[in-house]
């Protein structure tokens, strides 16, 4: 049984090396590992954050290359 103050990642049912989706991973990240369903269960939400972060990293890398090339 999980207490109210225990984060889900320290729960015995959660920590069995099971695969988690991107939405659940982002929920744990944004809630400081307190809620694994903060963003819901739709897989598109997790993909949105993942591709958004990837896009920001790629745009930053391109900006660095372009500004240092001049």
PDB file of N, CA and C in Angstrom:
ATOM      1  N   UNK A   1       0.843  -1.186   0.000  1.00  0.00           N
ATOM      2  CA  UNK A   1       0.000   0.000   0.000  1.00  0.00           C
ATOM      3  C   UNK A   1       0.883   1.242   0.000  1.00  0.00           C
ATOM      4  N   UNK A   2       0.566   2.177  -0.843  1.00  0.00           N
ATOM      5  CA  UNK A   2       1.337   3.406  -0.995  1.00  0.00           C
ATOM      6  C   UNK A   2       0.762   4.495  -0.084  1.00  0.00           C
ATOM      7  N   UNK A   3       1.653   5.145   0.667  1.00  0.00           N
ATOM      8  CA  UNK A   3       1.183   6.248   1.507  1.00  0.00           C
ATOM      9  C   UNK A   3       1.061   7.510   0.669  1.00  0.00           C
ATOM     10  N   UNK A   4       0.432   8.506   1.209  1.00  0.00           N
ATOM     11  CA  UNK A   4       0.186   9.756   0.489  1.00  0.00           C
ATOM     12  C   UNK A   4       1.478  10.508   0.179  1.00  0.00           C
ATOM     13  N   UNK A   5       2.501  10.373   1.021  1.00  0.00           N
ATOM     14  CA  UNK A   5       3.739  11.136   0.847  1.00  0.00           C
ATOM     15  C   UNK A   5       4.792  10.397   0.035  1.00  0.00           C
ATOM     16  N   UNK A   6       4.544   9.157  -0.313  1.00  0.00           N
ATOM     17  CA  UNK A   6       5.518   8.376  -1.053  1.00  0.00           C
ATOM     18  C   UNK A   6       5.371   8.634  -2.549  1.00  0.00           C
ATOM     19  N   UNK A   7       6.478   8.956  -3.188  1.00  0.00           N
ATOM     20  CA  UNK A   7       6.471   9.167  -4.630  1.00  0.00           C
ATOM     21  C   UNK A   7       6.230   7.839  -5.336  1.00  0.00           C
ATOM     22  N   UNK A   8       5.555   7.868  -6.492  1.00  0.00           N
ATOM     23  CA  UNK A   8       5.250   6.608  -7.182  1.00  0.00           C
ATOM     24  C   UNK A   8       6.478   5.834  -7.625  1.00  0.00           C
ATOM     25  N   UNK A   9       7.597   6.497  -7.834  1.00  0.00           N
ATOM     26  CA  UNK A   9       8.783   5.760  -8.279  1.00  0.00           C
ATOM     27  C   UNK A   9       9.383   4.915  -7.170  1.00  0.00           C
ATOM     28  N   UNK A  10       9.022   5.201  -5.919  1.00  0.00           N
ATOM     29  CA  UNK A  10       9.509   4.402  -4.802  1.00  0.00           C
ATOM     30  C   UNK A  10       8.499   3.351  -4.371  1.00  0.00           C
ATOM     31  N   UNK A  11       7.429   3.233  -5.107  1.00  0.00           N
ATOM     32  CA  UNK A  11       6.399   2.251  -4.839  1.00  0.00           C
ATOM     33  C   UNK A  11       6.858   0.894  -5.392  1.00  0.00           C
ATOM     34  N   UNK A  12       6.635  -0.164  -4.654  1.00  0.00           N
ATOM     35  CA  UNK A  12       7.091  -1.499  -5.080  1.00  0.00           C
ATOM     36  C   UNK A  12       6.462  -1.930  -6.397  1.00  0.00           C
ATOM     37  N   UNK A  13       5.200  -1.567  -6.634  1.00  0.00           N
ATOM     38  CA  UNK A  13       4.534  -1.939  -7.878  1.00  0.00           C
ATOM     39  C   UNK A  13       5.100  -1.187  -9.082  1.00  0.00           C
ATOM     40  N   UNK A  14       5.612   0.015  -8.861  1.00  0.00           N
ATOM     41  CA  UNK A  14       6.121   0.828  -9.963  1.00  0.00           C
ATOM     42  C   UNK A  14       7.544   0.435 -10.337  1.00  0.00           C
ATOM     43  N   UNK A  15       8.358   0.148  -9.363  1.00  0.00           N
ATOM     44  CA  UNK A  15       9.786  -0.042  -9.590  1.00  0.00           C
ATOM     45  C   UNK A  15      10.127  -1.508  -9.846  1.00  0.00           C
ATOM     46  N   UNK A  16       9.663  -2.027 -10.953  1.00  0.00           N
ATOM     47  CA  UNK A  16      10.020  -3.386 -11.371  1.00  0.00           C
ATOM     48  C   UNK A  16      10.591  -3.377 -12.782  1.00  0.00           C
ATOM     49  N   UNK A  17      11.298  -2.325 -13.108  1.00  0.00           N
ATOM     50  CA  UNK A  17      11.924  -2.150 -14.415  1.00  0.00           C
ATOM     51  C   UNK A  17      10.922  -2.273 -15.549  1.00  0.00           C
ATOM     52  N   UNK A  18       9.701  -1.838 -15.297  1.00  0.00           N
ATOM     53  CA  UNK A  18       8.693  -1.861 -16.348  1.00  0.00           C
ATOM     54  C   UNK A  18       8.878  -0.646 -17.253  1.00  0.00           C
ATOM     55  N   UNK A  19       8.479  -0.792 -18.478  1.00  0.00           N
ATOM     56  CA  UNK A  19       8.578   0.309 -19.422  1.00  0.00           C
ATOM     57  C   UNK A  19       7.490   1.330 -19.132  1.00  0.00           C
ATOM     58  N   UNK A  20       7.865   2.606 -19.228  1.00  0.00           N
ATOM     59  CA  UNK A  20       6.884   3.670 -19.067  1.00  0.00           C
ATOM     60  C   UNK A  20       6.853   4.478 -20.355  1.00  0.00           C
ATOM     61  N   UNK A  21       5.733   5.121 -20.589  1.00  0.00           N
ATOM     62  CA  UNK A  21       5.587   5.919 -21.795  1.00  0.00           C
ATOM     63  C   UNK A  21       6.168   7.312 -21.616  1.00  0.00           C
ATOM     64  N   UNK A  22       6.245   8.031 -22.713  1.00  0.00           N
ATOM     65  CA  UNK A  22       6.794   9.387 -22.673  1.00  0.00           C
ATOM     66  C   UNK A  22       5.936  10.309 -21.817  1.00  0.00           C
ATOM     67  N   UNK A  23       4.618  10.153 -21.885  1.00  0.00           N
ATOM     68  CA  UNK A  23       3.735  11.006 -21.093  1.00  0.00           C
ATOM     69  C   UNK A  23       3.945  10.765 -19.605  1.00  0.00           C
ATOM     70  N   UNK A  24       4.087   9.517 -19.227  1.00  0.00           N
ATOM     71  CA  UNK A  24       4.319   9.209 -17.815  1.00  0.00           C
ATOM     72  C   UNK A  24       5.692   9.723 -17.373  1.00  0.00           C
ATOM     73  N   UNK A  25       6.686   9.623 -18.227  1.00  0.00           N
ATOM     74  CA  UNK A  25       8.021  10.124 -17.892  1.00  0.00           C
ATOM     75  C   UNK A  25       8.011  11.644 -17.723  1.00  0.00           C
ATOM     76  N   UNK A  26       7.347  12.350 -18.631  1.00  0.00           N
ATOM     77  CA  UNK A  26       7.260  13.814 -18.509  1.00  0.00           C
ATOM     78  C   UNK A  26       6.447  14.207 -17.281  1.00  0.00           C
ATOM     79  N   UNK A  27       5.412  13.453 -16.947  1.00  0.00           N
ATOM     80  CA  UNK A  27       4.631  13.730 -15.740  1.00  0.00           C
ATOM     81  C   UNK A  27       5.504  13.611 -14.503  1.00  0.00           C
ATOM     82  N   UNK A  28       6.321  12.578 -14.448  1.00  0.00           N
ATOM     83  CA  UNK A  28       7.240  12.419 -13.317  1.00  0.00           C
ATOM     84  C   UNK A  28       8.266  13.546 -13.281  1.00  0.00           C
ATOM     85  N   UNK A  29       8.741  13.975 -14.444  1.00  0.00           N
ATOM     86  CA  UNK A  29       9.713  15.063 -14.505  1.00  0.00           C
ATOM     87  C   UNK A  29       9.111  16.377 -14.020  1.00  0.00           C
ATOM     88  N   UNK A  30       7.941  16.738 -14.529  1.00  0.00           N
ATOM     89  CA  UNK A  30       7.327  18.021 -14.174  1.00  0.00           C
ATOM     90  C   UNK A  30       6.812  18.058 -12.736  1.00  0.00           C
ATOM     91  N   UNK A  31       6.475  16.915 -12.170  1.00  0.00           N
ATOM     92  CA  UNK A  31       5.962  16.887 -10.798  1.00  0.00           C
ATOM     93  C   UNK A  31       7.034  16.511  -9.779  1.00  0.00           C
ATOM     94  N   UNK A  32       8.292  16.507 -10.192  1.00  0.00           N
ATOM     95  CA  UNK A  32       9.413  16.117  -9.326  1.00  0.00           C
ATOM     96  C   UNK A  32       9.185  14.717  -8.751  1.00  0.00           C
ATOM     97  N   UNK A  33       8.758  13.812  -9.595  1.00  0.00           N
ATOM     98  CA  UNK A  33       8.523  12.396  -9.291  1.00  0.00           C
ATOM     99  C   UNK A  33       7.408  12.158  -8.287  1.00  0.00           C
ATOM    100  N   UNK A  34       6.464  13.080  -8.181  1.00  0.00           N
ATOM    101  CA  UNK A  34       5.366  12.902  -7.233  1.00  0.00           C
ATOM    102  C   UNK A  34       4.116  12.311  -7.869  1.00  0.00           C
ATOM    103  N   UNK A  35       3.862  12.597  -9.144  1.00  0.00           N
ATOM    104  CA  UNK A  35       2.651  12.094  -9.801  1.00  0.00           C
ATOM    105  C   UNK A  35       3.021  11.558 -11.174  1.00  0.00           C
ATOM    106  N   UNK A  36       2.660  10.327 -11.427  1.00  0.00           N
ATOM    107  CA  UNK A  36       3.001   9.741 -12.721  1.00  0.00           C
ATOM    108  C   UNK A  36       1.881   9.895 -13.741  1.00  0.00           C
ATOM    109  N   UNK A  37       0.745  10.428 -13.349  1.00  0.00           N
ATOM    110  CA  UNK A  37      -0.372  10.637 -14.276  1.00  0.00           C
ATOM    111  C   UNK A  37      -0.787  12.106 -14.328  1.00  0.00           C
ATOM    112  N   UNK A  38       0.137  13.006 -14.051  1.00  0.00           N
ATOM    113  CA  UNK A  38      -0.152  14.436 -14.023  1.00  0.00           C
ATOM    114  C   UNK A  38      -0.649  14.941 -15.377  1.00  0.00           C
ATOM    115  N   UNK A  39      -0.076  14.461 -16.460  1.00  0.00           N
ATOM    116  CA  UNK A  39      -0.439  14.913 -17.805  1.00  0.00           C
ATOM    117  C   UNK A  39      -1.472  14.008 -18.473  1.00  0.00           C
ATOM    118  N   UNK A  40      -1.989  13.043 -17.754  1.00  0.00           N
ATOM    119  CA  UNK A  40      -2.974  12.133 -18.327  1.00  0.00           C
ATOM    120  C   UNK A  40      -2.317  10.889 -18.893  1.00  0.00           C
ATOM    121  N   UNK A  41      -3.033  10.195 -19.753  1.00  0.00           N
ATOM    122  CA  UNK A  41      -2.509   8.947 -20.308  1.00  0.00           C
ATOM    123  C   UNK A  41      -2.414   8.969 -21.831  1.00  0.00           C
ATOM    124  N   UNK A  42      -2.689  10.106 -22.448  1.00  0.00           N
ATOM    125  CA  UNK A  42      -2.622  10.213 -23.899  1.00  0.00           C
ATOM    126  C   UNK A  42      -1.160  10.233 -24.349  1.00  0.00           C
ATOM    127  N   UNK A  43      -0.791   9.356 -25.265  1.00  0.00           N
ATOM    128  CA  UNK A  43       0.598   9.271 -25.714  1.00  0.00           C
ATOM    129  C   UNK A  43       1.021  10.495 -26.524  1.00  0.00           C
ATOM    130  N   UNK A  44       0.058  11.186 -27.109  1.00  0.00           N
ATOM    131  CA  UNK A  44       0.398  12.371 -27.909  1.00  0.00           C
ATOM    132  C   UNK A  44       0.983  13.482 -27.055  1.00  0.00           C
ATOM    133  N   UNK A  45       0.572  13.571 -25.811  1.00  0.00           N
ATOM    134  CA  UNK A  45       1.097  14.599 -24.917  1.00  0.00           C
ATOM    135  C   UNK A  45       2.585  14.400 -24.681  1.00  0.00           C
ATOM    136  N   UNK A  46       2.985  13.184 -24.394  1.00  0.00           N
ATOM    137  CA  UNK A  46       4.403  12.892 -24.189  1.00  0.00           C
ATOM    138  C   UNK A  46       5.218  13.129 -25.437  1.00  0.00           C
ATOM    139  N   UNK A  47       4.673  12.744 -26.582  1.00  0.00           N
ATOM    140  CA  UNK A  47       5.383  12.978 -27.850  1.00  0.00           C
ATOM    141  C   UNK A  47       5.530  14.465 -28.129  1.00  0.00           C
ATOM    142  N   UNK A  48       4.525  15.248 -27.778  1.00  0.00           N
ATOM    143  CA  UNK A  48       4.577  16.692 -27.977  1.00  0.00           C
ATOM    144  C   UNK A  48       5.751  17.296 -27.201  1.00  0.00           C
ATOM    145  N   UNK A  49       5.887  16.942 -25.933  1.00  0.00           N
ATOM    146  CA  UNK A  49       6.986  17.474 -25.130  1.00  0.00           C
ATOM    147  C   UNK A  49       8.334  16.967 -25.618  1.00  0.00           C
ATOM    148  N   UNK A  50       8.406  15.693 -26.008  1.00  0.00           N
ATOM    149  CA  UNK A  50       9.665  15.132 -26.493  1.00  0.00           C
ATOM    150  C   UNK A  50      10.119  15.815 -27.781  1.00  0.00           C
ATOM    151  N   UNK A  51       9.205  15.961 -28.746  1.00  0.00           N
ATOM    152  CA  UNK A  51       9.566  16.598 -30.002  1.00  0.00           C
ATOM    153  C   UNK A  51       9.802  18.092 -29.828  1.00  0.00           C
ATOM    154  N   UNK A  52       9.105  18.713 -28.884  1.00  0.00           N
ATOM    155  CA  UNK A  52       9.346  20.125 -28.582  1.00  0.00           C
ATOM    156  C   UNK A  52      10.752  20.343 -28.050  1.00  0.00           C
ATOM    157  N   UNK A  53      11.169  19.485 -27.133  1.00  0.00           N
ATOM    158  CA  UNK A  53      12.525  19.585 -26.589  1.00  0.00           C
ATOM    159  C   UNK A  53      13.562  19.294 -27.664  1.00  0.00           C
ATOM    160  N   UNK A  54      13.315  18.287 -28.466  1.00  0.00           N
ATOM    161  CA  UNK A  54      14.232  17.949 -29.550  1.00  0.00           C
ATOM    162  C   UNK A  54      14.339  19.098 -30.549  1.00  0.00           C
ATOM    163  N   UNK A  55      13.210  19.714 -30.880  1.00  0.00           N
ATOM    164  CA  UNK A  55      13.212  20.857 -31.791  1.00  0.00           C
ATOM    165  C   UNK A  55      13.989  22.039 -31.228  1.00  0.00           C
ATOM    166  N   UNK A  56      13.847  22.293 -29.942  1.00  0.00           N
ATOM    167  CA  UNK A  56      14.582  23.394 -29.308  1.00  0.00           C
ATOM    168  C   UNK A  56      16.088  23.135 -29.332  1.00  0.00           C
ATOM    169  N   UNK A  57      16.482  21.894 -29.093  1.00  0.00           N
ATOM    170  CA  UNK A  57      17.910  21.548 -29.124  1.00  0.00           C
ATOM    171  C   UNK A  57      18.467  21.691 -30.533  1.00  0.00           C
ATOM    172  N   UNK A  58      17.736  21.209 -31.531  1.00  0.00           N
ATOM    173  CA  UNK A  58      18.198  21.319 -32.922  1.00  0.00           C
ATOM    174  C   UNK A  58      18.255  22.768 -33.357  1.00  0.00           C
ATOM    175  N   UNK A  59      17.241  23.568 -33.007  1.00  0.00           N
ATOM    176  CA  UNK A  59      17.243  24.990 -33.370  1.00  0.00           C
ATOM    177  C   UNK A  59      18.404  25.716 -32.710  1.00  0.00           C
ATOM    178  N   UNK A  60      18.709  25.382 -31.475  1.00  0.00           N
ATOM    179  CA  UNK A  60      19.835  26.013 -30.782  1.00  0.00           C
ATOM    180  C   UNK A  60      21.160  25.632 -31.435  1.00  0.00           C
ATOM    181  N   UNK A  61      21.301  24.380 -31.821  1.00  0.00           N
ATOM    182  CA  UNK A  61      22.529  23.941 -32.482  1.00  0.00           C
ATOM    183  C   UNK A  61      22.704  24.637 -33.822  1.00  0.00           C
ATOM    184  N   UNK A  62      21.625  24.771 -34.567  1.00  0.00           N
ATOM    185  CA  UNK A  62      21.701  25.470 -35.861  1.00  0.00           C
ATOM    186  C   UNK A  62      22.056  26.935 -35.653  1.00  0.00           C
ATOM    187  N   UNK A  63      21.473  27.565 -34.640  1.00  0.00           N
ATOM    188  CA  UNK A  63      21.779  28.966 -34.357  1.00  0.00           C
ATOM    189  C   UNK A  63      23.256  29.139 -34.000  1.00  0.00           C
ATOM    190  N   UNK A  64      23.796  28.235 -33.221  1.00  0.00           N
ATOM    191  CA  UNK A  64      25.207  28.323 -32.843  1.00  0.00           C
ATOM    192  C   UNK A  64      26.094  28.176 -34.065  1.00  0.00           C
ATOM    193  N   UNK A  65      25.783  27.225 -34.928  1.00  0.00           N
ATOM    194  CA  UNK A  65      26.582  27.011 -36.143  1.00  0.00           C
ATOM    195  C   UNK A  65      26.504  28.233 -37.051  1.00  0.00           C
ATOM    196  N   UNK A  66      25.315  28.772 -37.236  1.00  0.00           N
ATOM    197  CA  UNK A  66      25.136  29.902 -38.150  1.00  0.00           C
ATOM    198  C   UNK A  66      25.802  31.160 -37.607  1.00  0.00           C
ATOM    199  N   UNK A  67      25.675  31.437 -36.317  1.00  0.00           N
ATOM    200  CA  UNK A  67      26.257  32.671 -35.769  1.00  0.00           C
ATOM    201  C   UNK A  67      27.765  32.608 -35.690  1.00  0.00           C
ATOM    202  N   UNK A  68      28.326  31.431 -35.491  1.00  0.00           N
ATOM    203  CA  UNK A  68      29.783  31.317 -35.425  1.00  0.00           C
ATOM    204  C   UNK A  68      30.403  31.209 -36.818  1.00  0.00           C
ATOM    205  N   UNK A  69      29.610  30.937 -37.824  1.00  0.00           N
ATOM    206  CA  UNK A  69      30.130  30.829 -39.189  1.00  0.00           C
ATOM    207  C   UNK A  69      30.324  32.204 -39.812  1.00  0.00           C
ATOM    208  N   UNK A  70      29.676  33.211 -39.248  1.00  0.00           N
ATOM    209  CA  UNK A  70      29.784  34.551 -39.829  1.00  0.00           C
ATOM    210  C   UNK A  70      30.989  35.288 -39.350  1.00  0.00           C
TER     211      UNK A  70
END
